[in-house]
Amino acid sequence: MKVYKSTDELSKELAEVKDTLKGFKKLVEVQKQEIQELKKYVSEDIKNKNLLHGYRKVIEDISSQVRK
């Protein structure tokens, strides 16, 4: 036995689905921004690690020259 919904009920359900879709779209936007920020932090972290490694190498070279 099928139960048919009225036009008003279908309109309300459609409005709820549209609101839910808007919410998901906003969530996707926010997550994309967060991913970009995290990528930026990862890039900065790699840059800082490379700088640290370079400084460490320079210090080791200077220390070995001083010891000679």
Protein backbone atom coordinates (compact mmCIF):
# COMPACT_ATOMS: atom_id res chain seq x y z
CA MET A 1 0.00 0.00 0.00
CA LYS A 2 1.56 3.28 -1.11
CA VAL A 3 1.39 6.39 0.99
CA TYR A 4 1.29 9.58 -1.03
CA LYS A 5 2.55 12.85 0.37
CA SER A 6 0.90 16.15 -0.15
CA THR A 7 2.49 18.96 -2.12
CA ASP A 8 3.15 20.88 1.09
CA GLU A 9 4.95 17.92 2.65
CA LEU A 10 7.05 17.43 -0.46
CA SER A 11 7.86 21.15 -0.56
CA LYS A 12 9.01 21.05 3.07
CA GLU A 13 11.17 17.99 2.42
CA LEU A 14 12.65 19.63 -0.67
CA ALA A 15 13.46 22.78 1.33
CA GLU A 16 15.16 20.66 4.01
CA VAL A 17 17.21 18.83 1.39
CA LYS A 18 18.24 22.15 -0.18
CA ASP A 19 19.27 23.51 3.23
CA THR A 20 21.25 20.35 3.93
CA LEU A 21 22.97 20.68 0.56
CA LYS A 22 23.89 24.31 1.31
CA GLY A 23 25.34 23.19 4.63
CA PHE A 24 27.44 20.50 2.95
CA LYS A 25 28.70 22.98 0.34
CA LYS A 26 29.75 25.38 3.10
CA LEU A 27 31.46 22.55 4.94
CA VAL A 28 33.39 21.63 1.78
CA GLU A 29 34.51 25.26 1.40
CA VAL A 30 35.72 25.40 4.99
CA GLN A 31 37.57 22.11 4.65
CA LYS A 32 39.26 23.26 1.44
CA GLN A 33 40.47 26.38 3.26
CA GLU A 34 41.74 24.27 6.15
CA ILE A 35 43.58 21.96 3.74
CA GLN A 36 45.25 24.98 2.10
CA GLU A 37 46.34 26.29 5.50
CA LEU A 38 47.72 22.90 6.48
CA LYS A 39 49.62 22.64 3.19
CA LYS A 40 51.10 26.07 3.90
CA TYR A 41 52.21 24.98 7.39
CA VAL A 42 53.73 21.76 6.01
CA SER A 43 55.62 23.77 3.41
CA GLU A 44 56.94 26.16 6.06
CA ASP A 45 57.93 23.22 8.25
CA ILE A 46 59.92 21.61 5.44
CA LYS A 47 61.59 24.95 4.69
CA ASN A 48 62.54 25.39 8.36
CA LYS A 49 63.89 21.84 8.58
CA ASN A 50 66.04 22.47 5.50
CA LEU A 51 67.33 25.72 7.00
CA LEU A 52 68.12 23.98 10.26
CA HIS A 53 69.97 21.22 8.45
CA GLY A 54 71.96 23.83 6.50
CA TYR A 55 72.84 25.78 9.64
CA ARG A 56 73.86 22.59 11.39
CA LYS A 57 76.14 21.70 8.47
CA VAL A 58 77.73 25.18 8.51
CA ILE A 59 78.33 24.94 12.26
CA GLU A 60 79.89 21.49 11.88
CA ASP A 61 82.17 22.76 9.08
CA ILE A 62 83.27 25.79 11.08
CA SER A 63 83.82 23.65 14.18
CA SER A 64 85.99 21.21 12.24
CA GLN A 65 88.03 24.10 10.80
CA VAL A 66 88.54 25.62 14.25
CA ARG A 67 89.75 22.29 15.65
CA LYS A 68 92.46 21.99 12.96
